[in-house]
């Protein structure tokens, strides 16, 4: 095992409104939030969060021109070690990631974004 699943993040035009929708749907609670991020808690080890995407184009199922959009946050103990492991599995570090403190952004082999995060 390289990482622990942490948070599923959905891009959206109004993070608080979408968080409130899912809080009502699931019975989870609105937790951490700022101007462009709202998290829900209450789902056990895996959380759900909503990230501001001002130019968000919603998916139009099953239209491949407007595909589903989300990314995964997975938690690791050591970013450098985990980076070597995920790159060996076929991931690639995304341009602009610039190795910020606490997380790094990659694409899986099919191009879906995910973040390696430290606790």
PDB file of N, CA and C in Angstrom:
ATOM      1  N   UNK A   1       0.853  -1.182   0.000  1.00  0.00           N
ATOM      2  CA  UNK A   1       0.000   0.000   0.000  1.00  0.00           C
ATOM      3  C   UNK A   1       0.891   1.233   0.000  1.00  0.00           C
ATOM      4  N   UNK A   2       0.601   2.152  -0.875  1.00  0.00           N
ATOM      5  CA  UNK A   2       1.332   3.415  -0.973  1.00  0.00           C
ATOM      6  C   UNK A   2       0.609   4.512  -0.220  1.00  0.00           C
ATOM      7  N   UNK A   3      -0.714   4.549  -0.288  1.00  0.00           N
ATOM      8  CA  UNK A   3      -1.480   5.679   0.242  1.00  0.00           C
ATOM      9  C   UNK A   3      -2.798   5.210   0.840  1.00  0.00           C
ATOM     10  N   UNK A   4      -3.436   6.126   1.588  1.00  0.00           N
ATOM     11  CA  UNK A   4      -4.771   5.917   2.155  1.00  0.00           C
ATOM     12  C   UNK A   4      -5.725   6.902   1.491  1.00  0.00           C
ATOM     13  N   UNK A   5      -6.885   6.403   1.032  1.00  0.00           N
ATOM     14  CA  UNK A   5      -7.865   7.291   0.407  1.00  0.00           C
ATOM     15  C   UNK A   5      -8.321   8.306   1.440  1.00  0.00           C
ATOM     16  N   UNK A   6      -8.349   9.572   1.060  1.00  0.00           N
ATOM     17  CA  UNK A   6      -8.712  10.610   2.004  1.00  0.00           C
ATOM     18  C   UNK A   6      -9.964  11.362   1.641  1.00  0.00           C
ATOM     19  N   UNK A   7      -9.948  12.057   0.500  1.00  0.00           N
ATOM     20  CA  UNK A   7     -11.039  12.949   0.147  1.00  0.00           C
ATOM     21  C   UNK A   7     -11.348  12.849  -1.339  1.00  0.00           C
ATOM     22  N   UNK A   8     -12.625  12.749  -1.680  1.00  0.00           N
ATOM     23  CA  UNK A   8     -13.080  12.875  -3.057  1.00  0.00           C
ATOM     24  C   UNK A   8     -13.530  14.317  -3.208  1.00  0.00           C
ATOM     25  N   UNK A   9     -12.970  15.027  -4.199  1.00  0.00           N
ATOM     26  CA  UNK A   9     -13.205  16.456  -4.369  1.00  0.00           C
ATOM     27  C   UNK A   9     -13.938  16.697  -5.680  1.00  0.00           C
ATOM     28  N   UNK A  10     -15.054  17.396  -5.596  1.00  0.00           N
ATOM     29  CA  UNK A  10     -15.840  17.743  -6.779  1.00  0.00           C
ATOM     30  C   UNK A  10     -15.681  19.224  -7.085  1.00  0.00           C
ATOM     31  N   UNK A  11     -15.301  19.543  -8.328  1.00  0.00           N
ATOM     32  CA  UNK A  11     -15.264  20.931  -8.766  1.00  0.00           C
ATOM     33  C   UNK A  11     -16.698  21.401  -8.996  1.00  0.00           C
ATOM     34  N   UNK A  12     -16.961  22.676  -8.693  1.00  0.00           N
ATOM     35  CA  UNK A  12     -18.314  23.198  -8.846  1.00  0.00           C
ATOM     36  C   UNK A  12     -18.294  24.724  -8.792  1.00  0.00           C
ATOM     37  N   UNK A  13     -19.368  25.374  -9.235  1.00  0.00           N
ATOM     38  CA  UNK A  13     -19.399  26.834  -9.216  1.00  0.00           C
ATOM     39  C   UNK A  13     -19.738  27.429  -7.848  1.00  0.00           C
ATOM     40  N   UNK A  14     -20.338  26.645  -6.936  1.00  0.00           N
ATOM     41  CA  UNK A  14     -20.733  27.152  -5.620  1.00  0.00           C
ATOM     42  C   UNK A  14     -20.498  26.054  -4.574  1.00  0.00           C
ATOM     43  N   UNK A  15     -19.275  25.999  -4.010  1.00  0.00           N
ATOM     44  CA  UNK A  15     -18.941  24.917  -3.089  1.00  0.00           C
ATOM     45  C   UNK A  15     -19.873  24.787  -1.883  1.00  0.00           C
ATOM     46  N   UNK A  16     -20.272  25.901  -1.280  1.00  0.00           N
ATOM     47  CA  UNK A  16     -21.125  25.807  -0.101  1.00  0.00           C
ATOM     48  C   UNK A  16     -22.506  25.253  -0.452  1.00  0.00           C
ATOM     49  N   UNK A  17     -23.078  25.714  -1.544  1.00  0.00           N
ATOM     50  CA  UNK A  17     -24.402  25.219  -1.937  1.00  0.00           C
ATOM     51  C   UNK A  17     -24.366  23.723  -2.227  1.00  0.00           C
ATOM     52  N   UNK A  18     -23.330  23.269  -2.917  1.00  0.00           N
ATOM     53  CA  UNK A  18     -23.240  21.842  -3.224  1.00  0.00           C
ATOM     54  C   UNK A  18     -22.956  21.033  -1.970  1.00  0.00           C
ATOM     55  N   UNK A  19     -22.135  21.571  -1.072  1.00  0.00           N
ATOM     56  CA  UNK A  19     -21.868  20.888   0.200  1.00  0.00           C
ATOM     57  C   UNK A  19     -23.155  20.748   1.009  1.00  0.00           C
ATOM     58  N   UNK A  20     -23.951  21.794   1.036  1.00  0.00           N
ATOM     59  CA  UNK A  20     -25.215  21.730   1.781  1.00  0.00           C
ATOM     60  C   UNK A  20     -26.159  20.695   1.164  1.00  0.00           C
ATOM     61  N   UNK A  21     -26.167  20.583  -0.156  1.00  0.00           N
ATOM     62  CA  UNK A  21     -26.974  19.563  -0.824  1.00  0.00           C
ATOM     63  C   UNK A  21     -26.554  18.176  -0.356  1.00  0.00           C
ATOM     64  N   UNK A  22     -25.241  17.903  -0.433  1.00  0.00           N
ATOM     65  CA  UNK A  22     -24.756  16.574  -0.055  1.00  0.00           C
ATOM     66  C   UNK A  22     -24.862  16.327   1.447  1.00  0.00           C
ATOM     67  N   UNK A  23     -24.779  17.370   2.247  1.00  0.00           N
ATOM     68  CA  UNK A  23     -24.975  17.207   3.692  1.00  0.00           C
ATOM     69  C   UNK A  23     -26.405  16.744   3.967  1.00  0.00           C
ATOM     70  N   UNK A  24     -27.351  17.338   3.282  1.00  0.00           N
ATOM     71  CA  UNK A  24     -28.748  16.925   3.435  1.00  0.00           C
ATOM     72  C   UNK A  24     -28.949  15.505   2.915  1.00  0.00           C
ATOM     73  N   UNK A  25     -28.318  15.191   1.800  1.00  0.00           N
ATOM     74  CA  UNK A  25     -28.466  13.878   1.187  1.00  0.00           C
ATOM     75  C   UNK A  25     -27.886  12.772   2.062  1.00  0.00           C
ATOM     76  N   UNK A  26     -26.721  13.023   2.651  1.00  0.00           N
ATOM     77  CA  UNK A  26     -25.990  11.966   3.360  1.00  0.00           C
ATOM     78  C   UNK A  26     -26.122  12.008   4.877  1.00  0.00           C
ATOM     79  N   UNK A  27     -26.542  13.147   5.425  1.00  0.00           N
ATOM     80  CA  UNK A  27     -26.553  13.300   6.877  1.00  0.00           C
ATOM     81  C   UNK A  27     -25.195  13.682   7.433  1.00  0.00           C
ATOM     82  N   UNK A  28     -24.215  13.925   6.556  1.00  0.00           N
ATOM     83  CA  UNK A  28     -22.899  14.366   6.994  1.00  0.00           C
ATOM     84  C   UNK A  28     -22.983  15.843   7.368  1.00  0.00           C
ATOM     85  N   UNK A  29     -21.904  16.362   7.954  1.00  0.00           N
ATOM     86  CA  UNK A  29     -21.867  17.755   8.412  1.00  0.00           C
ATOM     87  C   UNK A  29     -20.907  18.593   7.558  1.00  0.00           C
ATOM     88  N   UNK A  30     -21.297  19.846   7.333  1.00  0.00           N
ATOM     89  CA  UNK A  30     -20.386  20.785   6.688  1.00  0.00           C
ATOM     90  C   UNK A  30     -19.267  21.066   7.676  1.00  0.00           C
ATOM     91  N   UNK A  31     -18.037  20.926   7.216  1.00  0.00           N
ATOM     92  CA  UNK A  31     -16.881  21.117   8.091  1.00  0.00           C
ATOM     93  C   UNK A  31     -16.025  22.272   7.623  1.00  0.00           C
ATOM     94  N   UNK A  32     -14.734  21.984   7.393  1.00  0.00           N
ATOM     95  CA  UNK A  32     -13.788  23.020   6.979  1.00  0.00           C
ATOM     96  C   UNK A  32     -14.288  23.731   5.735  1.00  0.00           C
ATOM     97  N   UNK A  33     -14.126  25.054   5.752  1.00  0.00           N
ATOM     98  CA  UNK A  33     -14.509  25.814   4.569  1.00  0.00           C
ATOM     99  C   UNK A  33     -13.753  27.121   4.491  1.00  0.00           C
ATOM    100  N   UNK A  34     -13.559  27.583   3.265  1.00  0.00           N
ATOM    101  CA  UNK A  34     -13.048  28.920   3.009  1.00  0.00           C
ATOM    102  C   UNK A  34     -13.721  29.398   1.722  1.00  0.00           C
ATOM    103  N   UNK A  35     -13.204  30.419   1.088  1.00  0.00           N
ATOM    104  CA  UNK A  35     -13.884  30.996  -0.075  1.00  0.00           C
ATOM    105  C   UNK A  35     -14.003  30.037  -1.254  1.00  0.00           C
ATOM    106  N   UNK A  36     -13.068  29.091  -1.371  1.00  0.00           N
ATOM    107  CA  UNK A  36     -13.108  28.212  -2.541  1.00  0.00           C
ATOM    108  C   UNK A  36     -13.083  26.721  -2.208  1.00  0.00           C
ATOM    109  N   UNK A  37     -13.386  26.373  -0.953  1.00  0.00           N
ATOM    110  CA  UNK A  37     -13.333  24.970  -0.536  1.00  0.00           C
ATOM    111  C   UNK A  37     -14.288  24.733   0.629  1.00  0.00           C
ATOM    112  N   UNK A  38     -15.073  23.661   0.529  1.00  0.00           N
ATOM    113  CA  UNK A  38     -15.938  23.259   1.637  1.00  0.00           C
ATOM    114  C   UNK A  38     -15.854  21.744   1.761  1.00  0.00           C
ATOM    115  N   UNK A  39     -15.602  21.277   2.974  1.00  0.00           N
ATOM    116  CA  UNK A  39     -15.524  19.845   3.210  1.00  0.00           C
ATOM    117  C   UNK A  39     -16.705  19.343   4.021  1.00  0.00           C
ATOM    118  N   UNK A  40     -17.059  18.080   3.808  1.00  0.00           N
ATOM    119  CA  UNK A  40     -18.070  17.406   4.615  1.00  0.00           C
ATOM    120  C   UNK A  40     -17.376  16.365   5.478  1.00  0.00           C
ATOM    121  N   UNK A  41     -17.859  16.165   6.682  1.00  0.00           N
ATOM    122  CA  UNK A  41     -17.337  15.136   7.561  1.00  0.00           C
ATOM    123  C   UNK A  41     -18.487  14.240   7.994  1.00  0.00           C
ATOM    124  N   UNK A  42     -18.130  13.055   8.426  1.00  0.00           N
ATOM    125  CA  UNK A  42     -19.138  12.121   8.905  1.00  0.00           C
ATOM    126  C   UNK A  42     -19.183  10.842   8.109  1.00  0.00           C
ATOM    127  N   UNK A  43     -18.319  10.714   7.119  1.00  0.00           N
ATOM    128  CA  UNK A  43     -18.344   9.534   6.264  1.00  0.00           C
ATOM    129  C   UNK A  43     -17.302   8.504   6.609  1.00  0.00           C
ATOM    130  N   UNK A  44     -16.689   8.623   7.783  1.00  0.00           N
ATOM    131  CA  UNK A  44     -15.645   7.667   8.143  1.00  0.00           C
ATOM    132  C   UNK A  44     -14.291   8.124   7.644  1.00  0.00           C
ATOM    133  N   UNK A  45     -13.539   7.207   7.097  1.00  0.00           N
ATOM    134  CA  UNK A  45     -12.170   7.521   6.679  1.00  0.00           C
ATOM    135  C   UNK A  45     -12.114   8.339   5.398  1.00  0.00           C
ATOM    136  N   UNK A  46     -13.104   8.205   4.532  1.00  0.00           N
ATOM    137  CA  UNK A  46     -13.112   8.941   3.269  1.00  0.00           C
ATOM    138  C   UNK A  46     -14.077  10.118   3.401  1.00  0.00           C
ATOM    139  N   UNK A  47     -13.623  11.294   2.982  1.00  0.00           N
ATOM    140  CA  UNK A  47     -14.426  12.508   3.068  1.00  0.00           C
ATOM    141  C   UNK A  47     -14.820  12.985   1.686  1.00  0.00           C
ATOM    142  N   UNK A  48     -15.706  13.935   1.659  1.00  0.00           N
ATOM    143  CA  UNK A  48     -16.179  14.552   0.433  1.00  0.00           C
ATOM    144  C   UNK A  48     -15.959  16.048   0.561  1.00  0.00           C
ATOM    145  N   UNK A  49     -15.461  16.678  -0.511  1.00  0.00           N
ATOM    146  CA  UNK A  49     -15.218  18.121  -0.480  1.00  0.00           C
ATOM    147  C   UNK A  49     -15.615  18.721  -1.823  1.00  0.00           C
ATOM    148  N   UNK A  50     -15.766  20.041  -1.810  1.00  0.00           N
ATOM    149  CA  UNK A  50     -16.218  20.776  -2.978  1.00  0.00           C
ATOM    150  C   UNK A  50     -15.295  21.959  -3.183  1.00  0.00           C
ATOM    151  N   UNK A  51     -14.790  22.097  -4.418  1.00  0.00           N
ATOM    152  CA  UNK A  51     -13.789  23.105  -4.737  1.00  0.00           C
ATOM    153  C   UNK A  51     -14.338  24.050  -5.792  1.00  0.00           C
ATOM    154  N   UNK A  52     -14.131  25.352  -5.576  1.00  0.00           N
ATOM    155  CA  UNK A  52     -14.599  26.362  -6.517  1.00  0.00           C
ATOM    156  C   UNK A  52     -13.913  26.207  -7.870  1.00  0.00           C
ATOM    157  N   UNK A  53     -14.728  26.143  -8.909  1.00  0.00           N
ATOM    158  CA  UNK A  53     -14.252  26.139 -10.288  1.00  0.00           C
ATOM    159  C   UNK A  53     -15.145  27.142 -11.035  1.00  0.00           C
ATOM    160  N   UNK A  54     -14.736  28.408 -11.081  1.00  0.00           N
ATOM    161  CA  UNK A  54     -15.601  29.451 -11.651  1.00  0.00           C
ATOM    162  C   UNK A  54     -16.066  29.165 -13.083  1.00  0.00           C
ATOM    163  N   UNK A  55     -15.242  28.497 -13.873  1.00  0.00           N
ATOM    164  CA  UNK A  55     -15.598  28.197 -15.266  1.00  0.00           C
ATOM    165  C   UNK A  55     -16.087  26.755 -15.419  1.00  0.00           C
ATOM    166  N   UNK A  56     -16.616  26.209 -14.340  1.00  0.00           N
ATOM    167  CA  UNK A  56     -17.059  24.817 -14.332  1.00  0.00           C
ATOM    168  C   UNK A  56     -18.048  24.529 -15.462  1.00  0.00           C
ATOM    169  N   UNK A  57     -17.767  23.486 -16.197  1.00  0.00           N
ATOM    170  CA  UNK A  57     -18.675  22.985 -17.230  1.00  0.00           C
ATOM    171  C   UNK A  57     -19.168  21.629 -16.740  1.00  0.00           C
ATOM    172  N   UNK A  58     -20.412  21.521 -16.335  1.00  0.00           N
ATOM    173  CA  UNK A  58     -20.891  20.266 -15.767  1.00  0.00           C
ATOM    174  C   UNK A  58     -20.856  19.124 -16.768  1.00  0.00           C
ATOM    175  N   UNK A  59     -20.672  17.906 -16.258  1.00  0.00           N
ATOM    176  CA  UNK A  59     -20.721  16.748 -17.142  1.00  0.00           C
ATOM    177  C   UNK A  59     -22.117  16.614 -17.744  1.00  0.00           C
ATOM    178  N   UNK A  60     -22.173  16.022 -18.924  1.00  0.00           N
ATOM    179  CA  UNK A  60     -23.452  15.742 -19.574  1.00  0.00           C
ATOM    180  C   UNK A  60     -23.458  14.261 -19.915  1.00  0.00           C
ATOM    181  N   UNK A  61     -23.848  13.479 -18.952  1.00  0.00           N
ATOM    182  CA  UNK A  61     -23.798  12.024 -19.070  1.00  0.00           C
ATOM    183  C   UNK A  61     -24.675  11.550 -20.211  1.00  0.00           C
ATOM    184  N   UNK A  62     -24.213  10.675 -21.083  1.00  0.00           N
ATOM    185  CA  UNK A  62     -22.870  10.112 -21.188  1.00  0.00           C
ATOM    186  C   UNK A  62     -22.040  10.762 -22.281  1.00  0.00           C
ATOM    187  N   UNK A  63     -22.174  12.048 -22.489  1.00  0.00           N
ATOM    188  CA  UNK A  63     -21.483  12.779 -23.547  1.00  0.00           C
ATOM    189  C   UNK A  63     -19.988  12.885 -23.248  1.00  0.00           C
ATOM    190  N   UNK A  64     -19.134  12.229 -24.031  1.00  0.00           N
ATOM    191  CA  UNK A  64     -17.689  12.289 -23.761  1.00  0.00           C
ATOM    192  C   UNK A  64     -17.083  13.682 -23.967  1.00  0.00           C
ATOM    193  N   UNK A  65     -17.791  14.578 -24.646  1.00  0.00           N
ATOM    194  CA  UNK A  65     -17.291  15.943 -24.807  1.00  0.00           C
ATOM    195  C   UNK A  65     -17.409  16.738 -23.520  1.00  0.00           C
ATOM    196  N   UNK A  66     -18.224  16.255 -22.572  1.00  0.00           N
ATOM    197  CA  UNK A  66     -18.393  16.892 -21.267  1.00  0.00           C
ATOM    198  C   UNK A  66     -18.293  15.817 -20.193  1.00  0.00           C
ATOM    199  N   UNK A  67     -17.090  15.271 -19.978  1.00  0.00           N
ATOM    200  CA  UNK A  67     -16.933  14.114 -19.083  1.00  0.00           C
ATOM    201  C   UNK A  67     -17.091  14.459 -17.608  1.00  0.00           C
ATOM    202  N   UNK A  68     -17.184  13.395 -16.803  1.00  0.00           N
ATOM    203  CA  UNK A  68     -17.244  13.569 -15.353  1.00  0.00           C
ATOM    204  C   UNK A  68     -15.978  14.261 -14.873  1.00  0.00           C
ATOM    205  N   UNK A  69     -16.087  15.043 -13.784  1.00  0.00           N
ATOM    206  CA  UNK A  69     -14.956  15.828 -13.305  1.00  0.00           C
ATOM    207  C   UNK A  69     -14.844  15.712 -11.792  1.00  0.00           C
ATOM    208  N   UNK A  70     -13.718  15.201 -11.327  1.00  0.00           N
ATOM    209  CA  UNK A  70     -13.418  15.142  -9.903  1.00  0.00           C
ATOM    210  C   UNK A  70     -11.947  14.788  -9.759  1.00  0.00           C
ATOM    211  N   UNK A  71     -11.428  14.897  -8.553  1.00  0.00           N
ATOM    212  CA  UNK A  71     -10.089  14.393  -8.290  1.00  0.00           C
ATOM    213  C   UNK A  71     -10.064  13.754  -6.915  1.00  0.00           C
ATOM    214  N   UNK A  72      -9.087  12.920  -6.696  1.00  0.00           N
ATOM    215  CA  UNK A  72      -8.935  12.214  -5.428  1.00  0.00           C
ATOM    216  C   UNK A  72      -7.771  12.795  -4.641  1.00  0.00           C
ATOM    217  N   UNK A  73      -7.951  12.942  -3.339  1.00  0.00           N
ATOM    218  CA  UNK A  73      -6.856  13.256  -2.424  1.00  0.00           C
ATOM    219  C   UNK A  73      -6.536  11.969  -1.674  1.00  0.00           C
ATOM    220  N   UNK A  74      -5.304  11.515  -1.775  1.00  0.00           N
ATOM    221  CA  UNK A  74      -4.876  10.337  -1.026  1.00  0.00           C
ATOM    222  C   UNK A  74      -3.743  10.748  -0.100  1.00  0.00           C
ATOM    223  N   UNK A  75      -3.751  10.196   1.111  1.00  0.00           N
ATOM    224  CA  UNK A  75      -2.822  10.616   2.151  1.00  0.00           C
ATOM    225  C   UNK A  75      -1.644   9.663   2.250  1.00  0.00           C
ATOM    226  N   UNK A  76      -0.447  10.238   2.373  1.00  0.00           N
ATOM    227  CA  UNK A  76       0.794   9.477   2.464  1.00  0.00           C
ATOM    228  C   UNK A  76       1.606  10.002   3.646  1.00  0.00           C
ATOM    229  N   UNK A  77       2.524   9.180   4.122  1.00  0.00           N
ATOM    230  CA  UNK A  77       3.391   9.610   5.214  1.00  0.00           C
ATOM    231  C   UNK A  77       4.555  10.452   4.718  1.00  0.00           C
ATOM    232  N   UNK A  78       5.054  10.165   3.506  1.00  0.00           N
ATOM    233  CA  UNK A  78       6.217  10.873   2.976  1.00  0.00           C
ATOM    234  C   UNK A  78       5.988  11.157   1.498  1.00  0.00           C
ATOM    235  N   UNK A  79       5.902  12.442   1.127  1.00  0.00           N
ATOM    236  CA  UNK A  79       5.618  12.814  -0.260  1.00  0.00           C
ATOM    237  C   UNK A  79       6.696  12.346  -1.228  1.00  0.00           C
ATOM    238  N   UNK A  80       7.957  12.489  -0.867  1.00  0.00           N
ATOM    239  CA  UNK A  80       9.031  12.117  -1.785  1.00  0.00           C
ATOM    240  C   UNK A  80       9.023  10.622  -2.092  1.00  0.00           C
ATOM    241  N   UNK A  81       8.847   9.809  -1.060  1.00  0.00           N
ATOM    242  CA  UNK A  81       8.810   8.358  -1.250  1.00  0.00           C
ATOM    243  C   UNK A  81       7.601   7.960  -2.076  1.00  0.00           C
ATOM    244  N   UNK A  82       6.436   8.507  -1.730  1.00  0.00           N
ATOM    245  CA  UNK A  82       5.209   8.173  -2.453  1.00  0.00           C
ATOM    246  C   UNK A  82       5.283   8.641  -3.903  1.00  0.00           C
ATOM    247  N   UNK A  83       5.907   9.797  -4.144  1.00  0.00           N
ATOM    248  CA  UNK A  83       6.033  10.278  -5.510  1.00  0.00           C
ATOM    249  C   UNK A  83       6.797   9.275  -6.362  1.00  0.00           C
ATOM    250  N   UNK A  84       7.899   8.782  -5.869  1.00  0.00           N
ATOM    251  CA  UNK A  84       8.677   7.783  -6.622  1.00  0.00           C
ATOM    252  C   UNK A  84       7.830   6.558  -6.927  1.00  0.00           C
ATOM    253  N   UNK A  85       7.023   6.138  -5.954  1.00  0.00           N
ATOM    254  CA  UNK A  85       6.206   4.940  -6.136  1.00  0.00           C
ATOM    255  C   UNK A  85       5.097   5.155  -7.161  1.00  0.00           C
ATOM    256  N   UNK A  86       4.399   6.290  -7.094  1.00  0.00           N
ATOM    257  CA  UNK A  86       3.306   6.497  -8.045  1.00  0.00           C
ATOM    258  C   UNK A  86       3.826   6.757  -9.455  1.00  0.00           C
ATOM    259  N   UNK A  87       4.983   7.403  -9.571  1.00  0.00           N
ATOM    260  CA  UNK A  87       5.582   7.595 -10.892  1.00  0.00           C
ATOM    261  C   UNK A  87       5.956   6.251 -11.492  1.00  0.00           C
ATOM    262  N   UNK A  88       6.459   5.348 -10.668  1.00  0.00           N
ATOM    263  CA  UNK A  88       6.811   4.003 -11.132  1.00  0.00           C
ATOM    264  C   UNK A  88       5.573   3.225 -11.590  1.00  0.00           C
ATOM    265  N   UNK A  89       4.415   3.553 -11.018  1.00  0.00           N
ATOM    266  CA  UNK A  89       3.162   2.894 -11.402  1.00  0.00           C
ATOM    267  C   UNK A  89       2.568   3.459 -12.695  1.00  0.00           C
ATOM    268  N   UNK A  90       3.111   4.583 -13.169  1.00  0.00           N
ATOM    269  CA  UNK A  90       2.603   5.170 -14.405  1.00  0.00           C
ATOM    270  C   UNK A  90       1.966   6.531 -14.254  1.00  0.00           C
ATOM    271  N   UNK A  91       1.943   7.090 -13.042  1.00  0.00           N
ATOM    272  CA  UNK A  91       1.420   8.447 -12.843  1.00  0.00           C
ATOM    273  C   UNK A  91       2.425   9.451 -13.405  1.00  0.00           C
ATOM    274  N   UNK A  92       1.951  10.674 -13.596  1.00  0.00           N
ATOM    275  CA  UNK A  92       2.876  11.746 -13.993  1.00  0.00           C
ATOM    276  C   UNK A  92       2.553  12.999 -13.186  1.00  0.00           C
ATOM    277  N   UNK A  93       3.611  13.700 -12.796  1.00  0.00           N
ATOM    278  CA  UNK A  93       3.462  14.956 -12.071  1.00  0.00           C
ATOM    279  C   UNK A  93       2.909  15.982 -13.047  1.00  0.00           C
ATOM    280  N   UNK A  94       1.863  16.682 -12.653  1.00  0.00           N
ATOM    281  CA  UNK A  94       1.249  17.650 -13.557  1.00  0.00           C
ATOM    282  C   UNK A  94       2.000  18.974 -13.538  1.00  0.00           C
ATOM    283  N   UNK A  95       2.085  19.592 -14.684  1.00  0.00           N
ATOM    284  CA  UNK A  95       2.739  20.890 -14.821  1.00  0.00           C
ATOM    285  C   UNK A  95       2.062  21.890 -13.902  1.00  0.00           C
ATOM    286  N   UNK A  96       2.852  22.728 -13.266  1.00  0.00           N
ATOM    287  CA  UNK A  96       2.320  23.743 -12.380  1.00  0.00           C
ATOM    288  C   UNK A  96       2.141  23.260 -10.956  1.00  0.00           C
ATOM    289  N   UNK A  97       2.412  21.975 -10.716  1.00  0.00           N
ATOM    290  CA  UNK A  97       2.270  21.453  -9.359  1.00  0.00           C
ATOM    291  C   UNK A  97       3.297  22.100  -8.438  1.00  0.00           C
ATOM    292  N   UNK A  98       4.494  22.342  -8.945  1.00  0.00           N
ATOM    293  CA  UNK A  98       5.552  23.056  -8.227  1.00  0.00           C
ATOM    294  C   UNK A  98       5.818  22.520  -6.823  1.00  0.00           C
ATOM    295  N   UNK A  99       5.444  21.284  -6.573  1.00  0.00           N
ATOM    296  CA  UNK A  99       5.688  20.633  -5.291  1.00  0.00           C
ATOM    297  C   UNK A  99       5.347  21.527  -4.105  1.00  0.00           C
ATOM    298  N   UNK A 100       4.096  21.998  -4.011  1.00  0.00           N
ATOM    299  CA  UNK A 100       3.710  22.827  -2.859  1.00  0.00           C
ATOM    300  C   UNK A 100       3.792  22.028  -1.568  1.00  0.00           C
ATOM    301  N   UNK A 101       3.938  22.704  -0.470  1.00  0.00           N
ATOM    302  CA  UNK A 101       4.010  22.055   0.831  1.00  0.00           C
ATOM    303  C   UNK A 101       2.702  21.360   1.144  1.00  0.00           C
ATOM    304  N   UNK A 102       2.769  20.104   1.523  1.00  0.00           N
ATOM    305  CA  UNK A 102       1.584  19.373   1.968  1.00  0.00           C
ATOM    306  C   UNK A 102       0.859  18.584   0.914  1.00  0.00           C
ATOM    307  N   UNK A 103       1.066  18.883  -0.373  1.00  0.00           N
ATOM    308  CA  UNK A 103       0.427  18.079  -1.416  1.00  0.00           C
ATOM    309  C   UNK A 103       1.134  18.290  -2.758  1.00  0.00           C
ATOM    310  N   UNK A 104       0.947  17.303  -3.632  1.00  0.00           N
ATOM    311  CA  UNK A 104       1.443  17.377  -5.006  1.00  0.00           C
ATOM    312  C   UNK A 104       0.368  16.806  -5.918  1.00  0.00           C
ATOM    313  N   UNK A 105       0.281  17.337  -7.147  1.00  0.00           N
ATOM    314  CA  UNK A 105      -0.783  16.960  -8.068  1.00  0.00           C
ATOM    315  C   UNK A 105      -0.201  16.127  -9.211  1.00  0.00           C
ATOM    316  N   UNK A 106      -0.885  15.009  -9.492  1.00  0.00           N
ATOM    317  CA  UNK A 106      -0.461  14.060 -10.520  1.00  0.00           C
ATOM    318  C   UNK A 106      -1.646  13.719 -11.406  1.00  0.00           C
ATOM    319  N   UNK A 107      -1.358  13.057 -12.511  1.00  0.00           N
ATOM    320  CA  UNK A 107      -2.404  12.447 -13.329  1.00  0.00           C
ATOM    321  C   UNK A 107      -2.196  10.947 -13.269  1.00  0.00           C
ATOM    322  N   UNK A 108      -3.298  10.199 -13.169  1.00  0.00           N
ATOM    323  CA  UNK A 108      -3.199   8.746 -13.218  1.00  0.00           C
ATOM    324  C   UNK A 108      -2.928   8.333 -14.664  1.00  0.00           C
ATOM    325  N   UNK A 109      -2.706   7.067 -14.953  1.00  0.00           N
ATOM    326  CA  UNK A 109      -2.392   6.667 -16.329  1.00  0.00           C
ATOM    327  C   UNK A 109      -3.450   7.039 -17.363  1.00  0.00           C
ATOM    328  N   UNK A 110      -4.699   7.227 -16.938  1.00  0.00           N
ATOM    329  CA  UNK A 110      -5.756   7.634 -17.866  1.00  0.00           C
ATOM    330  C   UNK A 110      -5.934   9.147 -17.912  1.00  0.00           C
ATOM    331  N   UNK A 111      -5.147   9.891 -17.138  1.00  0.00           N
ATOM    332  CA  UNK A 111      -5.197  11.350 -17.156  1.00  0.00           C
ATOM    333  C   UNK A 111      -6.030  11.998 -16.071  1.00  0.00           C
ATOM    334  N   UNK A 112      -6.654  11.208 -15.185  1.00  0.00           N
ATOM    335  CA  UNK A 112      -7.445  11.789 -14.100  1.00  0.00           C
ATOM    336  C   UNK A 112      -6.524  12.368 -13.031  1.00  0.00           C
ATOM    337  N   UNK A 113      -6.799  13.578 -12.565  1.00  0.00           N
ATOM    338  CA  UNK A 113      -5.943  14.170 -11.543  1.00  0.00           C
ATOM    339  C   UNK A 113      -6.174  13.568 -10.161  1.00  0.00           C
ATOM    340  N   UNK A 114      -5.087  13.499  -9.391  1.00  0.00           N
ATOM    341  CA  UNK A 114      -5.177  13.123  -7.988  1.00  0.00           C
ATOM    342  C   UNK A 114      -4.041  13.808  -7.240  1.00  0.00           C
ATOM    343  N   UNK A 115      -4.223  13.986  -5.949  1.00  0.00           N
ATOM    344  CA  UNK A 115      -3.219  14.652  -5.123  1.00  0.00           C
ATOM    345  C   UNK A 115      -2.679  13.667  -4.087  1.00  0.00           C
ATOM    346  N   UNK A 116      -1.369  13.676  -3.917  1.00  0.00           N
ATOM    347  CA  UNK A 116      -0.750  13.036  -2.761  1.00  0.00           C
ATOM    348  C   UNK A 116      -0.682  14.119  -1.695  1.00  0.00           C
ATOM    349  N   UNK A 117      -1.206  13.822  -0.517  1.00  0.00           N
ATOM    350  CA  UNK A 117      -1.290  14.797   0.567  1.00  0.00           C
ATOM    351  C   UNK A 117      -0.667  14.216   1.825  1.00  0.00           C
ATOM    352  N   UNK A 118      -0.091  15.090   2.652  1.00  0.00           N
ATOM    353  CA  UNK A 118       0.346  14.668   3.968  1.00  0.00           C
ATOM    354  C   UNK A 118      -0.734  15.069   4.958  1.00  0.00           C
ATOM    355  N   UNK A 119      -0.767  14.399   6.085  1.00  0.00           N
ATOM    356  CA  UNK A 119      -1.803  14.665   7.086  1.00  0.00           C
ATOM    357  C   UNK A 119      -1.707  16.067   7.636  1.00  0.00           C
TER     358      UNK A 119
END
